[in-house]
């Protein structure tokens, strides 16, 4: 039972840190253009081939 007095505040602290990191990521526009990075993976090789020719 005594371990709960330690584990619950630690869990609450970790949740607060995770929420703070998520809010920072949203405010700094980390999630604005999610599809562009996926398309860059697909087309990255084609752009390199054009540069080498």
PDB file of N, CA and C in Angstrom:
ATOM      1  N   UNK A   1       0.819  -1.200   0.000  1.00  0.00           N
ATOM      2  CA  UNK A   1       0.000   0.000   0.000  1.00  0.00           C
ATOM      3  C   UNK A   1       0.863   1.265   0.000  1.00  0.00           C
ATOM      4  N   UNK A   2       2.003   1.168   0.688  1.00  0.00           N
ATOM      5  CA  UNK A   2       2.877   2.343   0.746  1.00  0.00           C
ATOM      6  C   UNK A   2       3.448   2.679  -0.630  1.00  0.00           C
ATOM      7  N   UNK A   3       3.598   1.662  -1.461  1.00  0.00           N
ATOM      8  CA  UNK A   3       4.155   1.920  -2.791  1.00  0.00           C
ATOM      9  C   UNK A   3       3.199   2.749  -3.646  1.00  0.00           C
ATOM     10  N   UNK A   4       1.891   2.648  -3.379  1.00  0.00           N
ATOM     11  CA  UNK A   4       0.929   3.459  -4.125  1.00  0.00           C
ATOM     12  C   UNK A   4       1.110   4.941  -3.844  1.00  0.00           C
ATOM     13  N   UNK A   5       1.542   5.278  -2.644  1.00  0.00           N
ATOM     14  CA  UNK A   5       1.773   6.686  -2.307  1.00  0.00           C
ATOM     15  C   UNK A   5       2.931   7.269  -3.114  1.00  0.00           C
ATOM     16  N   UNK A   6       3.790   6.415  -3.609  1.00  0.00           N
ATOM     17  CA  UNK A   6       4.906   6.857  -4.447  1.00  0.00           C
ATOM     18  C   UNK A   6       4.542   6.751  -5.927  1.00  0.00           C
ATOM     19  N   UNK A   7       3.891   5.654  -6.307  1.00  0.00           N
ATOM     20  CA  UNK A   7       3.628   5.397  -7.720  1.00  0.00           C
ATOM     21  C   UNK A   7       2.564   6.318  -8.313  1.00  0.00           C
ATOM     22  N   UNK A   8       1.542   6.649  -7.556  1.00  0.00           N
ATOM     23  CA  UNK A   8       0.479   7.511  -8.089  1.00  0.00           C
ATOM     24  C   UNK A   8       0.993   8.918  -8.398  1.00  0.00           C
ATOM     25  N   UNK A   9       1.730   9.581  -7.507  1.00  0.00           N
ATOM     26  CA  UNK A   9       2.277  10.899  -7.889  1.00  0.00           C
ATOM     27  C   UNK A   9       3.257  10.831  -9.062  1.00  0.00           C
ATOM     28  N   UNK A  10       4.037   9.761  -9.137  1.00  0.00           N
ATOM     29  CA  UNK A  10       4.955   9.614 -10.267  1.00  0.00           C
ATOM     30  C   UNK A  10       4.171   9.461 -11.562  1.00  0.00           C
ATOM     31  N   UNK A  11       3.097   8.679 -11.530  1.00  0.00           N
ATOM     32  CA  UNK A  11       2.267   8.503 -12.722  1.00  0.00           C
ATOM     33  C   UNK A  11       1.608   9.812 -13.128  1.00  0.00           C
ATOM     34  N   UNK A  12       1.114  10.567 -12.166  1.00  0.00           N
ATOM     35  CA  UNK A  12       0.496  11.864 -12.470  1.00  0.00           C
ATOM     36  C   UNK A  12       1.531  12.813 -13.057  1.00  0.00           C
ATOM     37  N   UNK A  13       2.724  12.804 -12.522  1.00  0.00           N
ATOM     38  CA  UNK A  13       3.796  13.656 -13.039  1.00  0.00           C
ATOM     39  C   UNK A  13       4.149  13.279 -14.478  1.00  0.00           C
ATOM     40  N   UNK A  14       4.236  11.993 -14.766  1.00  0.00           N
ATOM     41  CA  UNK A  14       4.553  11.556 -16.127  1.00  0.00           C
ATOM     42  C   UNK A  14       3.450  11.927 -17.109  1.00  0.00           C
ATOM     43  N   UNK A  15       2.202  11.839 -16.685  1.00  0.00           N
ATOM     44  CA  UNK A  15       1.095  12.247 -17.553  1.00  0.00           C
ATOM     45  C   UNK A  15       1.169  13.741 -17.825  1.00  0.00           C
ATOM     46  N   UNK A  16       1.474  14.527 -16.807  1.00  0.00           N
ATOM     47  CA  UNK A  16       1.595  15.978 -17.002  1.00  0.00           C
ATOM     48  C   UNK A  16       2.732  16.311 -17.960  1.00  0.00           C
ATOM     49  N   UNK A  17       3.838  15.609 -17.857  1.00  0.00           N
ATOM     50  CA  UNK A  17       4.963  15.834 -18.767  1.00  0.00           C
ATOM     51  C   UNK A  17       4.571  15.456 -20.194  1.00  0.00           C
ATOM     52  N   UNK A  18       3.873  14.339 -20.362  1.00  0.00           N
ATOM     53  CA  UNK A  18       3.451  13.916 -21.695  1.00  0.00           C
ATOM     54  C   UNK A  18       2.480  14.919 -22.306  1.00  0.00           C
ATOM     55  N   UNK A  19       1.560  15.438 -21.515  1.00  0.00           N
ATOM     56  CA  UNK A  19       0.610  16.437 -22.014  1.00  0.00           C
ATOM     57  C   UNK A  19       1.345  17.716 -22.386  1.00  0.00           C
ATOM     58  N   UNK A  20       2.318  18.123 -21.577  1.00  0.00           N
ATOM     59  CA  UNK A  20       3.085  19.330 -21.877  1.00  0.00           C
ATOM     60  C   UNK A  20       3.869  19.170 -23.178  1.00  0.00           C
ATOM     61  N   UNK A  21       4.468  18.016 -23.397  1.00  0.00           N
ATOM     62  CA  UNK A  21       5.205  17.773 -24.638  1.00  0.00           C
ATOM     63  C   UNK A  21       4.260  17.770 -25.831  1.00  0.00           C
ATOM     64  N   UNK A  22       3.087  17.168 -25.674  1.00  0.00           N
ATOM     65  CA  UNK A  22       2.108  17.157 -26.757  1.00  0.00           C
ATOM     66  C   UNK A  22       1.645  18.570 -27.086  1.00  0.00           C
ATOM     67  N   UNK A  23       1.359  19.375 -26.064  1.00  0.00           N
ATOM     68  CA  UNK A  23       0.921  20.752 -26.310  1.00  0.00           C
ATOM     69  C   UNK A  23       2.022  21.569 -26.975  1.00  0.00           C
ATOM     70  N   UNK A  24       3.271  21.349 -26.580  1.00  0.00           N
ATOM     71  CA  UNK A  24       4.384  22.043 -27.227  1.00  0.00           C
ATOM     72  C   UNK A  24       4.458  21.667 -28.706  1.00  0.00           C
ATOM     73  N   UNK A  25       4.284  20.372 -29.009  1.00  0.00           N
ATOM     74  CA  UNK A  25       4.358  19.921 -30.398  1.00  0.00           C
ATOM     75  C   UNK A  25       3.234  20.528 -31.227  1.00  0.00           C
ATOM     76  N   UNK A  26       2.053  20.644 -30.653  1.00  0.00           N
ATOM     77  CA  UNK A  26       0.931  21.231 -31.386  1.00  0.00           C
ATOM     78  C   UNK A  26       1.162  22.720 -31.604  1.00  0.00           C
ATOM     79  N   UNK A  27       1.636  23.417 -30.588  1.00  0.00           N
ATOM     80  CA  UNK A  27       1.865  24.862 -30.716  1.00  0.00           C
ATOM     81  C   UNK A  27       3.004  25.181 -31.678  1.00  0.00           C
ATOM     82  N   UNK A  28       3.997  24.295 -31.773  1.00  0.00           N
ATOM     83  CA  UNK A  28       5.111  24.551 -32.690  1.00  0.00           C
ATOM     84  C   UNK A  28       4.846  23.969 -34.073  1.00  0.00           C
ATOM     85  N   UNK A  29       3.598  23.599 -34.335  1.00  0.00           N
ATOM     86  CA  UNK A  29       3.125  23.151 -35.651  1.00  0.00           C
ATOM     87  C   UNK A  29       3.853  21.906 -36.152  1.00  0.00           C
ATOM     88  N   UNK A  30       4.118  20.966 -35.263  1.00  0.00           N
ATOM     89  CA  UNK A  30       4.746  19.710 -35.660  1.00  0.00           C
ATOM     90  C   UNK A  30       3.783  18.812 -36.425  1.00  0.00           C
ATOM     91  N   UNK A  31       2.477  19.025 -36.248  1.00  0.00           N
ATOM     92  CA  UNK A  31       1.478  18.158 -36.863  1.00  0.00           C
ATOM     93  C   UNK A  31       0.746  18.843 -38.009  1.00  0.00           C
ATOM     94  N   UNK A  32       1.289  19.902 -38.560  1.00  0.00           N
ATOM     95  CA  UNK A  32       0.600  20.659 -39.602  1.00  0.00           C
ATOM     96  C   UNK A  32       0.504  19.897 -40.923  1.00  0.00           C
ATOM     97  N   UNK A  33       1.596  19.328 -41.391  1.00  0.00           N
ATOM     98  CA  UNK A  33       1.606  18.680 -42.706  1.00  0.00           C
ATOM     99  C   UNK A  33       2.144  17.260 -42.561  1.00  0.00           C
ATOM    100  N   UNK A  34       1.272  16.342 -42.196  1.00  0.00           N
ATOM    101  CA  UNK A  34       1.698  14.971 -41.958  1.00  0.00           C
ATOM    102  C   UNK A  34       1.881  14.181 -43.248  1.00  0.00           C
ATOM    103  N   UNK A  35       1.167  14.524 -44.293  1.00  0.00           N
ATOM    104  CA  UNK A  35       1.233  13.744 -45.521  1.00  0.00           C
ATOM    105  C   UNK A  35       2.476  14.054 -46.347  1.00  0.00           C
ATOM    106  N   UNK A  36       3.037  15.236 -46.216  1.00  0.00           N
ATOM    107  CA  UNK A  36       4.201  15.609 -47.028  1.00  0.00           C
ATOM    108  C   UNK A  36       5.383  14.682 -46.747  1.00  0.00           C
ATOM    109  N   UNK A  37       5.615  14.349 -45.491  1.00  0.00           N
ATOM    110  CA  UNK A  37       6.741  13.477 -45.164  1.00  0.00           C
ATOM    111  C   UNK A  37       6.545  12.078 -45.735  1.00  0.00           C
ATOM    112  N   UNK A  38       5.314  11.604 -45.737  1.00  0.00           N
ATOM    113  CA  UNK A  38       5.044  10.302 -46.336  1.00  0.00           C
ATOM    114  C   UNK A  38       5.285  10.302 -47.829  1.00  0.00           C
ATOM    115  N   UNK A  39       4.938  11.384 -48.490  1.00  0.00           N
ATOM    116  CA  UNK A  39       5.168  11.481 -49.930  1.00  0.00           C
ATOM    117  C   UNK A  39       6.650  11.680 -50.235  1.00  0.00           C
ATOM    118  N   UNK A  40       7.376  12.349 -49.368  1.00  0.00           N
ATOM    119  CA  UNK A  40       8.813  12.534 -49.586  1.00  0.00           C
ATOM    120  C   UNK A  40       9.545  11.200 -49.591  1.00  0.00           C
ATOM    121  N   UNK A  41       9.089  10.266 -48.788  1.00  0.00           N
ATOM    122  CA  UNK A  41       9.723   8.947 -48.763  1.00  0.00           C
ATOM    123  C   UNK A  41       9.548   8.261 -50.110  1.00  0.00           C
ATOM    124  N   UNK A  42       8.373   8.393 -50.686  1.00  0.00           N
ATOM    125  CA  UNK A  42       8.099   7.725 -51.957  1.00  0.00           C
ATOM    126  C   UNK A  42       8.848   8.358 -53.122  1.00  0.00           C
ATOM    127  N   UNK A  43       8.980   9.674 -53.126  1.00  0.00           N
ATOM    128  CA  UNK A  43       9.554  10.380 -54.267  1.00  0.00           C
ATOM    129  C   UNK A  43      11.011  10.772 -54.072  1.00  0.00           C
ATOM    130  N   UNK A  44      11.605  10.474 -52.933  1.00  0.00           N
ATOM    131  CA  UNK A  44      12.974  10.873 -52.652  1.00  0.00           C
ATOM    132  C   UNK A  44      13.953  10.197 -53.609  1.00  0.00           C
ATOM    133  N   UNK A  45      13.777   8.933 -53.892  1.00  0.00           N
ATOM    134  CA  UNK A  45      14.690   8.206 -54.762  1.00  0.00           C
ATOM    135  C   UNK A  45      14.636   8.734 -56.189  1.00  0.00           C
ATOM    136  N   UNK A  46      13.467   9.105 -56.666  1.00  0.00           N
ATOM    137  CA  UNK A  46      13.341   9.630 -58.024  1.00  0.00           C
ATOM    138  C   UNK A  46      14.084  10.953 -58.175  1.00  0.00           C
ATOM    139  N   UNK A  47      14.053  11.800 -57.163  1.00  0.00           N
ATOM    140  CA  UNK A  47      14.750  13.086 -57.235  1.00  0.00           C
ATOM    141  C   UNK A  47      16.254  12.888 -57.260  1.00  0.00           C
ATOM    142  N   UNK A  48      16.762  11.903 -56.538  1.00  0.00           N
ATOM    143  CA  UNK A  48      18.197  11.646 -56.538  1.00  0.00           C
ATOM    144  C   UNK A  48      18.650  11.111 -57.892  1.00  0.00           C
ATOM    145  N   UNK A  49      17.822  10.282 -58.527  1.00  0.00           N
ATOM    146  CA  UNK A  49      18.183   9.746 -59.839  1.00  0.00           C
ATOM    147  C   UNK A  49      18.294  10.857 -60.875  1.00  0.00           C
ATOM    148  N   UNK A  50      17.448  11.865 -60.818  1.00  0.00           N
ATOM    149  CA  UNK A  50      17.497  12.974 -61.763  1.00  0.00           C
ATOM    150  C   UNK A  50      18.767  13.793 -61.582  1.00  0.00           C
ATOM    151  N   UNK A  51      19.231  13.922 -60.323  1.00  0.00           N
ATOM    152  CA  UNK A  51      20.436  14.699 -60.060  1.00  0.00           C
ATOM    153  C   UNK A  51      21.689  14.003 -60.591  1.00  0.00           C
ATOM    154  N   UNK A  52      21.700  12.686 -60.608  1.00  0.00           N
ATOM    155  CA  UNK A  52      22.879  11.941 -61.040  1.00  0.00           C
ATOM    156  C   UNK A  52      22.989  11.827 -62.554  1.00  0.00           C
ATOM    157  N   UNK A  53      21.932  12.077 -63.284  1.00  0.00           N
ATOM    158  CA  UNK A  53      21.964  11.927 -64.746  1.00  0.00           C
ATOM    159  C   UNK A  53      22.601  13.094 -65.424  1.00  0.00           C
TER     160      UNK A  53
END
